[in-house]
Amino acid sequence: MDSFITIRFKRKTAKRFQEFSKKHFKTHTETMEAILDFFFYNEISPKEKLGPTGRTIEAKLLKRINAVIAIMRDVEKTQTKPTVAMLESLFQTEEPKKKPLILEKKFMEEKRDVRFSNSSAYRQEREKPNNEI
């Protein structure tokens, strides 16, 4: 069996240590060994601050994530959607409008002559009195 040694602590510190020891370990010796091992293996000093806590790190990450989301939405609105719309409009195929055929002048003149002769004949028939027909 190992021998014990007495260490003097202030009453307030000894009470805190006893409460911590009861919550996490079976004996005060195990508690003290775990504390010393933690500082030794992690190569830190109990006087050093470990840096920001988990809450502050989480808050900073959430802010950065929200900023990235805002940037992505802006890029989507100003760049992606207009570009997609332009590409879709390029790839949409519309049927070409049917243009009237260009006919030769002679053929068009013949048609006009026929039209005018028909219309002049129609006028002449309208101008004749009914009893001559």
N, C-alpha and C. Protein backbone atom coordinates (compact mmCIF):
# COMPACT_ATOMS: atom_id res chain seq x y z
N MET A 1 0.85 -1.17 0.00
CA MET A 1 0.00 0.00 0.00
C MET A 1 0.90 1.24 0.00
N ASP A 2 0.44 2.22 -0.82
CA ASP A 2 1.21 3.47 -0.92
C ASP A 2 1.01 4.31 0.33
N SER A 3 2.01 5.07 0.61
CA SER A 3 1.91 5.96 1.77
C SER A 3 1.27 7.28 1.33
N PHE A 4 0.66 7.95 2.26
CA PHE A 4 0.00 9.22 2.00
C PHE A 4 0.84 10.36 2.54
N ILE A 5 0.62 11.52 1.97
CA ILE A 5 1.30 12.73 2.42
C ILE A 5 0.26 13.81 2.61
N THR A 6 0.49 14.70 3.46
CA THR A 6 -0.46 15.78 3.72
C THR A 6 -0.02 17.02 2.94
N ILE A 7 -1.00 17.61 2.27
CA ILE A 7 -0.76 18.85 1.53
C ILE A 7 -1.73 19.88 2.09
N ARG A 8 -1.27 21.07 2.29
CA ARG A 8 -2.11 22.11 2.87
C ARG A 8 -2.71 22.98 1.76
N PHE A 9 -4.04 23.07 1.78
CA PHE A 9 -4.78 23.93 0.85
C PHE A 9 -5.66 24.86 1.66
N LYS A 10 -6.05 25.94 1.05
CA LYS A 10 -7.04 26.80 1.69
C LYS A 10 -8.35 26.03 1.73
N ARG A 11 -9.15 26.31 2.73
CA ARG A 11 -10.40 25.59 2.94
C ARG A 11 -11.32 25.68 1.71
N LYS A 12 -11.43 26.85 1.09
CA LYS A 12 -12.32 27.06 -0.08
C LYS A 12 -11.85 26.20 -1.26
N THR A 13 -10.54 26.16 -1.50
CA THR A 13 -9.99 25.38 -2.61
C THR A 13 -10.15 23.89 -2.34
N ALA A 14 -9.94 23.45 -1.09
CA ALA A 14 -10.09 22.04 -0.74
C ALA A 14 -11.53 21.59 -0.95
N LYS A 15 -12.52 22.42 -0.60
CA LYS A 15 -13.93 22.07 -0.80
C LYS A 15 -14.25 21.93 -2.29
N ARG A 16 -13.74 22.86 -3.09
CA ARG A 16 -13.97 22.76 -4.55
C ARG A 16 -13.38 21.48 -5.11
N PHE A 17 -12.17 21.14 -4.67
CA PHE A 17 -11.51 19.92 -5.15
C PHE A 17 -12.29 18.68 -4.73
N GLN A 18 -12.77 18.64 -3.50
CA GLN A 18 -13.53 17.49 -3.02
C GLN A 18 -14.83 17.32 -3.82
N GLU A 19 -15.53 18.42 -4.12
CA GLU A 19 -16.77 18.36 -4.92
C GLU A 19 -16.48 17.85 -6.34
N PHE A 20 -15.43 18.38 -6.92
CA PHE A 20 -15.04 17.95 -8.28
C PHE A 20 -14.67 16.47 -8.27
N SER A 21 -13.92 16.04 -7.28
CA SER A 21 -13.46 14.67 -7.18
C SER A 21 -14.64 13.70 -7.02
N LYS A 22 -15.63 14.07 -6.20
CA LYS A 22 -16.79 13.20 -5.99
C LYS A 22 -17.61 13.04 -7.27
N LYS A 23 -17.70 14.10 -8.10
CA LYS A 23 -18.48 14.04 -9.33
C LYS A 23 -17.83 13.15 -10.39
N HIS A 24 -16.50 13.21 -10.51
CA HIS A 24 -15.84 12.60 -11.66
C HIS A 24 -15.00 11.36 -11.35
N PHE A 25 -14.54 11.19 -10.13
CA PHE A 25 -13.65 10.07 -9.82
C PHE A 25 -14.04 9.43 -8.50
N LYS A 26 -13.42 8.25 -8.24
CA LYS A 26 -13.71 7.55 -7.00
C LYS A 26 -12.92 8.11 -5.82
N THR A 27 -11.66 8.43 -6.06
CA THR A 27 -10.81 8.92 -4.96
C THR A 27 -10.17 10.25 -5.34
N HIS A 28 -9.67 10.94 -4.30
CA HIS A 28 -8.99 12.21 -4.54
C HIS A 28 -7.67 11.98 -5.27
N THR A 29 -7.04 10.85 -5.03
CA THR A 29 -5.77 10.53 -5.68
C THR A 29 -5.98 10.37 -7.19
N GLU A 30 -7.04 9.65 -7.61
CA GLU A 30 -7.33 9.49 -9.04
C GLU A 30 -7.60 10.84 -9.69
N THR A 31 -8.30 11.68 -8.98
CA THR A 31 -8.61 13.01 -9.49
C THR A 31 -7.33 13.81 -9.74
N MET A 32 -6.46 13.82 -8.77
CA MET A 32 -5.23 14.60 -8.90
C MET A 32 -4.35 14.02 -10.01
N GLU A 33 -4.27 12.70 -10.13
CA GLU A 33 -3.48 12.08 -11.20
C GLU A 33 -4.04 12.45 -12.58
N ALA A 34 -5.36 12.44 -12.71
CA ALA A 34 -5.99 12.78 -13.99
C ALA A 34 -5.71 14.23 -14.36
N ILE A 35 -5.78 15.11 -13.38
CA ILE A 35 -5.51 16.53 -13.64
C ILE A 35 -4.07 16.73 -14.08
N LEU A 36 -3.15 16.12 -13.35
CA LEU A 36 -1.73 16.26 -13.70
C LEU A 36 -1.41 15.65 -15.07
N ASP A 37 -2.00 14.47 -15.36
CA ASP A 37 -1.79 13.84 -16.67
C ASP A 37 -2.32 14.72 -17.81
N PHE A 38 -3.48 15.32 -17.58
CA PHE A 38 -4.07 16.19 -18.60
C PHE A 38 -3.10 17.32 -18.97
N PHE A 39 -2.56 17.98 -17.99
CA PHE A 39 -1.65 19.10 -18.26
C PHE A 39 -0.33 18.61 -18.86
N PHE A 40 0.14 17.44 -18.41
CA PHE A 40 1.41 16.92 -18.90
C PHE A 40 1.29 16.47 -20.37
N TYR A 41 0.28 15.66 -20.70
CA TYR A 41 0.14 15.11 -22.06
C TYR A 41 -0.24 16.18 -23.08
N ASN A 42 -0.99 17.16 -22.67
CA ASN A 42 -1.40 18.22 -23.60
C ASN A 42 -0.39 19.36 -23.67
N GLU A 43 0.63 19.26 -22.87
CA GLU A 43 1.71 20.24 -22.84
C GLU A 43 1.20 21.67 -22.70
N ILE A 44 0.33 21.84 -21.75
CA ILE A 44 -0.19 23.17 -21.46
C ILE A 44 0.01 23.46 -19.98
N SER A 45 -0.04 24.72 -19.68
CA SER A 45 0.10 25.16 -18.29
C SER A 45 -1.28 25.53 -17.76
N PRO A 46 -1.55 25.28 -16.50
CA PRO A 46 -2.85 25.69 -15.96
C PRO A 46 -3.04 27.19 -15.94
N LYS A 47 -1.96 27.94 -16.10
CA LYS A 47 -2.05 29.40 -16.13
C LYS A 47 -2.43 29.93 -17.51
N GLU A 48 -2.26 29.10 -18.53
CA GLU A 48 -2.58 29.53 -19.90
C GLU A 48 -4.08 29.42 -20.15
N LYS A 49 -4.55 30.32 -21.01
CA LYS A 49 -5.94 30.21 -21.47
C LYS A 49 -5.93 29.37 -22.73
N LEU A 50 -6.91 28.49 -22.85
CA LEU A 50 -6.96 27.60 -24.00
C LEU A 50 -7.51 28.28 -25.25
N GLY A 51 -7.96 29.48 -25.14
CA GLY A 51 -8.50 30.19 -26.29
C GLY A 51 -9.99 30.32 -26.17
N PRO A 52 -10.62 30.57 -27.29
CA PRO A 52 -12.07 30.79 -27.25
C PRO A 52 -12.81 29.51 -26.84
N THR A 53 -13.93 29.72 -26.21
CA THR A 53 -14.74 28.58 -25.80
C THR A 53 -15.53 28.05 -26.99
N GLY A 54 -16.16 26.94 -26.77
CA GLY A 54 -16.97 26.33 -27.83
C GLY A 54 -18.09 27.22 -28.31
N ARG A 55 -18.69 27.96 -27.39
CA ARG A 55 -19.80 28.84 -27.77
C ARG A 55 -19.33 29.97 -28.67
N THR A 56 -18.20 30.57 -28.33
CA THR A 56 -17.73 31.69 -29.16
C THR A 56 -17.28 31.19 -30.53
N ILE A 57 -16.68 30.02 -30.57
CA ILE A 57 -16.29 29.45 -31.87
C ILE A 57 -17.53 29.16 -32.71
N GLU A 58 -18.55 28.61 -32.10
CA GLU A 58 -19.80 28.31 -32.82
C GLU A 58 -20.44 29.59 -33.35
N ALA A 59 -20.46 30.63 -32.54
CA ALA A 59 -21.06 31.90 -32.97
C ALA A 59 -20.31 32.47 -34.17
N LYS A 60 -18.97 32.40 -34.12
CA LYS A 60 -18.18 32.91 -35.24
C LYS A 60 -18.41 32.10 -36.50
N LEU A 61 -18.49 30.77 -36.34
CA LEU A 61 -18.74 29.92 -37.51
C LEU A 61 -20.11 30.20 -38.12
N LEU A 62 -21.11 30.37 -37.28
CA LEU A 62 -22.45 30.67 -37.79
C LEU A 62 -22.47 31.99 -38.56
N LYS A 63 -21.74 32.99 -38.05
CA LYS A 63 -21.67 34.27 -38.77
C LYS A 63 -21.03 34.09 -40.13
N ARG A 64 -19.95 33.33 -40.18
CA ARG A 64 -19.25 33.11 -41.45
C ARG A 64 -20.11 32.30 -42.41
N ILE A 65 -20.81 31.30 -41.90
CA ILE A 65 -21.68 30.49 -42.75
C ILE A 65 -22.79 31.36 -43.33
N ASN A 66 -23.38 32.22 -42.50
CA ASN A 66 -24.43 33.12 -42.99
C ASN A 66 -23.88 34.07 -44.05
N ALA A 67 -22.65 34.53 -43.87
CA ALA A 67 -22.03 35.41 -44.87
C ALA A 67 -21.82 34.67 -46.18
N VAL A 68 -21.38 33.42 -46.11
CA VAL A 68 -21.17 32.62 -47.32
C VAL A 68 -22.49 32.37 -48.03
N ILE A 69 -23.54 32.09 -47.27
CA ILE A 69 -24.86 31.87 -47.87
C ILE A 69 -25.33 33.14 -48.57
N ALA A 70 -25.12 34.29 -47.96
CA ALA A 70 -25.52 35.56 -48.59
C ALA A 70 -24.74 35.79 -49.88
N ILE A 71 -23.46 35.47 -49.89
CA ILE A 71 -22.65 35.63 -51.10
C ILE A 71 -23.15 34.70 -52.19
N MET A 72 -23.46 33.46 -51.83
CA MET A 72 -23.94 32.50 -52.83
C MET A 72 -25.27 32.93 -53.42
N ARG A 73 -26.16 33.45 -52.59
CA ARG A 73 -27.46 33.93 -53.10
C ARG A 73 -27.26 35.11 -54.05
N ASP A 74 -26.37 36.01 -53.71
CA ASP A 74 -26.09 37.15 -54.57
C ASP A 74 -25.52 36.69 -55.90
N VAL A 75 -24.60 35.75 -55.87
CA VAL A 75 -24.02 35.22 -57.11
C VAL A 75 -25.10 34.56 -57.95
N GLU A 76 -25.99 33.82 -57.30
CA GLU A 76 -27.07 33.15 -58.03
C GLU A 76 -27.98 34.16 -58.71
N LYS A 77 -28.32 35.24 -57.99
CA LYS A 77 -29.22 36.24 -58.56
C LYS A 77 -28.58 37.03 -59.68
N THR A 78 -27.32 37.43 -59.50
CA THR A 78 -26.70 38.34 -60.46
C THR A 78 -25.95 37.65 -61.58
N GLN A 79 -25.53 36.41 -61.38
CA GLN A 79 -24.72 35.75 -62.41
C GLN A 79 -25.33 34.48 -62.95
N THR A 80 -25.71 33.58 -62.07
CA THR A 80 -26.14 32.25 -62.52
C THR A 80 -27.47 32.29 -63.27
N LYS A 81 -28.48 32.90 -62.66
CA LYS A 81 -29.80 32.90 -63.30
C LYS A 81 -29.81 33.63 -64.64
N PRO A 82 -29.21 34.83 -64.75
CA PRO A 82 -29.19 35.47 -66.07
C PRO A 82 -28.42 34.67 -67.11
N THR A 83 -27.32 34.04 -66.71
CA THR A 83 -26.54 33.25 -67.65
C THR A 83 -27.34 32.05 -68.13
N VAL A 84 -28.03 31.38 -67.22
CA VAL A 84 -28.86 30.23 -67.59
C VAL A 84 -29.96 30.67 -68.54
N ALA A 85 -30.58 31.80 -68.27
CA ALA A 85 -31.65 32.30 -69.14
C ALA A 85 -31.11 32.59 -70.54
N MET A 86 -29.92 33.19 -70.63
CA MET A 86 -29.35 33.46 -71.94
C MET A 86 -29.02 32.17 -72.68
N LEU A 87 -28.48 31.19 -72.00
CA LEU A 87 -28.16 29.91 -72.64
C LEU A 87 -29.42 29.19 -73.10
N GLU A 88 -30.46 29.23 -72.28
CA GLU A 88 -31.72 28.59 -72.69
C GLU A 88 -32.30 29.27 -73.92
N SER A 89 -32.21 30.60 -73.96
CA SER A 89 -32.75 31.30 -75.12
C SER A 89 -31.94 30.97 -76.39
N LEU A 90 -30.66 30.70 -76.24
CA LEU A 90 -29.85 30.31 -77.40
C LEU A 90 -30.22 28.94 -77.92
N PHE A 91 -30.56 28.05 -77.01
CA PHE A 91 -30.83 26.67 -77.42
C PHE A 91 -32.29 26.43 -77.79
N GLN A 92 -33.17 27.38 -77.56
CA GLN A 92 -34.56 27.22 -77.96
C GLN A 92 -34.66 27.38 -79.47
N THR A 93 -35.32 26.44 -80.11
CA THR A 93 -35.46 26.52 -81.56
C THR A 93 -36.88 26.94 -81.89
N GLU A 94 -36.98 27.96 -82.69
CA GLU A 94 -38.27 28.43 -83.15
C GLU A 94 -38.40 28.09 -84.63
N GLU A 95 -39.61 27.80 -85.03
CA GLU A 95 -39.83 27.50 -86.44
C GLU A 95 -39.65 28.78 -87.23
N PRO A 96 -38.94 28.71 -88.34
CA PRO A 96 -38.75 29.92 -89.13
C PRO A 96 -40.09 30.39 -89.70
N LYS A 97 -40.25 31.69 -89.73
CA LYS A 97 -41.49 32.24 -90.25
C LYS A 97 -41.54 32.00 -91.75
N LYS A 98 -42.72 31.65 -92.22
CA LYS A 98 -42.88 31.37 -93.64
C LYS A 98 -42.99 32.69 -94.38
N LYS A 99 -42.03 32.94 -95.22
CA LYS A 99 -42.01 34.17 -96.01
C LYS A 99 -42.65 33.87 -97.36
N PRO A 100 -43.36 34.84 -97.89
CA PRO A 100 -43.95 34.59 -99.22
C PRO A 100 -42.83 34.46 -100.25
N LEU A 101 -43.08 33.59 -101.20
CA LEU A 101 -42.09 33.38 -102.25
C LEU A 101 -41.99 34.61 -103.14
N ILE A 102 -40.82 34.90 -103.60
CA ILE A 102 -40.62 36.02 -104.51
C ILE A 102 -40.88 35.49 -105.91
N LEU A 103 -41.88 36.06 -106.56
CA LEU A 103 -42.26 35.60 -107.89
C LEU A 103 -41.63 36.50 -108.94
N GLU A 104 -41.49 35.98 -110.11
CA GLU A 104 -40.91 36.78 -111.18
C GLU A 104 -41.86 37.91 -111.55
N LYS A 105 -41.30 38.98 -112.07
CA LYS A 105 -42.09 40.16 -112.40
C LYS A 105 -43.13 39.85 -113.49
N LYS A 106 -42.77 39.05 -114.48
CA LYS A 106 -43.70 38.76 -115.57
C LYS A 106 -44.95 38.08 -115.04
N PHE A 107 -44.73 37.09 -114.15
CA PHE A 107 -45.86 36.34 -113.61
C PHE A 107 -46.75 37.25 -112.77
N MET A 108 -46.13 38.14 -112.00
CA MET A 108 -46.90 39.07 -111.18
C MET A 108 -47.70 40.03 -112.05
N GLU A 109 -47.09 40.51 -113.16
CA GLU A 109 -47.78 41.43 -114.05
C GLU A 109 -48.98 40.74 -114.70
N GLU A 110 -48.82 39.48 -115.07
CA GLU A 110 -49.92 38.74 -115.66
C GLU A 110 -51.07 38.63 -114.69
N LYS A 111 -50.76 38.37 -113.45
CA LYS A 111 -51.80 38.26 -112.44
C LYS A 111 -52.51 39.60 -112.27
N ARG A 112 -51.75 40.69 -112.25
CA ARG A 112 -52.35 42.01 -112.09
C ARG A 112 -53.28 42.31 -113.27
N ASP A 113 -52.84 41.97 -114.47
CA ASP A 113 -53.68 42.22 -115.64
C ASP A 113 -54.99 41.48 -115.49
N VAL A 114 -54.91 40.25 -115.05
CA VAL A 114 -56.12 39.46 -114.90
C VAL A 114 -57.00 40.09 -113.84
N ARG A 115 -56.43 40.51 -112.80
CA ARG A 115 -57.20 41.12 -111.72
C ARG A 115 -57.90 42.39 -112.21
N PHE A 116 -57.11 43.22 -112.87
CA PHE A 116 -57.69 44.48 -113.30
C PHE A 116 -58.76 44.25 -114.35
N SER A 117 -58.55 43.28 -115.21
CA SER A 117 -59.56 43.04 -116.23
C SER A 117 -60.82 42.52 -115.57
N ASN A 118 -60.69 41.68 -114.57
CA ASN A 118 -61.88 41.17 -113.87
C ASN A 118 -62.58 42.29 -113.13
N SER A 119 -61.81 43.13 -112.47
CA SER A 119 -62.45 44.19 -111.71
C SER A 119 -63.08 45.23 -112.64
N SER A 120 -62.43 45.50 -113.79
CA SER A 120 -63.03 46.47 -114.71
C SER A 120 -64.28 45.87 -115.35
N ALA A 121 -64.25 44.56 -115.59
CA ALA A 121 -65.44 43.91 -116.16
C ALA A 121 -66.56 43.93 -115.13
N TYR A 122 -66.24 43.75 -113.90
CA TYR A 122 -67.25 43.77 -112.84
C TYR A 122 -67.84 45.16 -112.73
N ARG A 123 -66.99 46.20 -112.86
CA ARG A 123 -67.50 47.57 -112.80
C ARG A 123 -68.43 47.86 -113.97
N GLN A 124 -68.03 47.39 -115.13
CA GLN A 124 -68.85 47.63 -116.31
C GLN A 124 -70.21 46.96 -116.15
N GLU A 125 -70.23 45.76 -115.58
CA GLU A 125 -71.50 45.07 -115.39
C GLU A 125 -72.37 45.82 -114.38
N ARG A 126 -71.78 46.39 -113.37
CA ARG A 126 -72.54 47.10 -112.35
C ARG A 126 -73.13 48.39 -112.92
N GLU A 127 -72.37 49.02 -113.85
CA GLU A 127 -72.83 50.28 -114.40
C GLU A 127 -73.95 50.13 -115.41
N LYS A 128 -74.07 48.94 -116.00
CA LYS A 128 -75.15 48.71 -116.97
C LYS A 128 -76.49 48.68 -116.26
N PRO A 129 -77.47 49.22 -116.91
CA PRO A 129 -78.80 49.13 -116.31
C PRO A 129 -79.26 47.67 -116.29
N ASN A 130 -80.18 47.39 -115.38
CA ASN A 130 -80.64 46.00 -115.18
C ASN A 130 -81.36 45.43 -116.39
N ASN A 131 -82.01 46.23 -117.21
CA ASN A 131 -82.77 45.70 -118.32
C ASN A 131 -81.88 45.27 -119.48
N GLU A 132 -80.64 45.70 -119.54
CA GLU A 132 -79.74 45.28 -120.61
C GLU A 132 -79.13 43.92 -120.35
N ILE A 133 -79.12 43.46 -119.20
CA ILE A 133 -78.47 42.19 -118.90
C ILE A 133 -79.20 41.06 -119.46
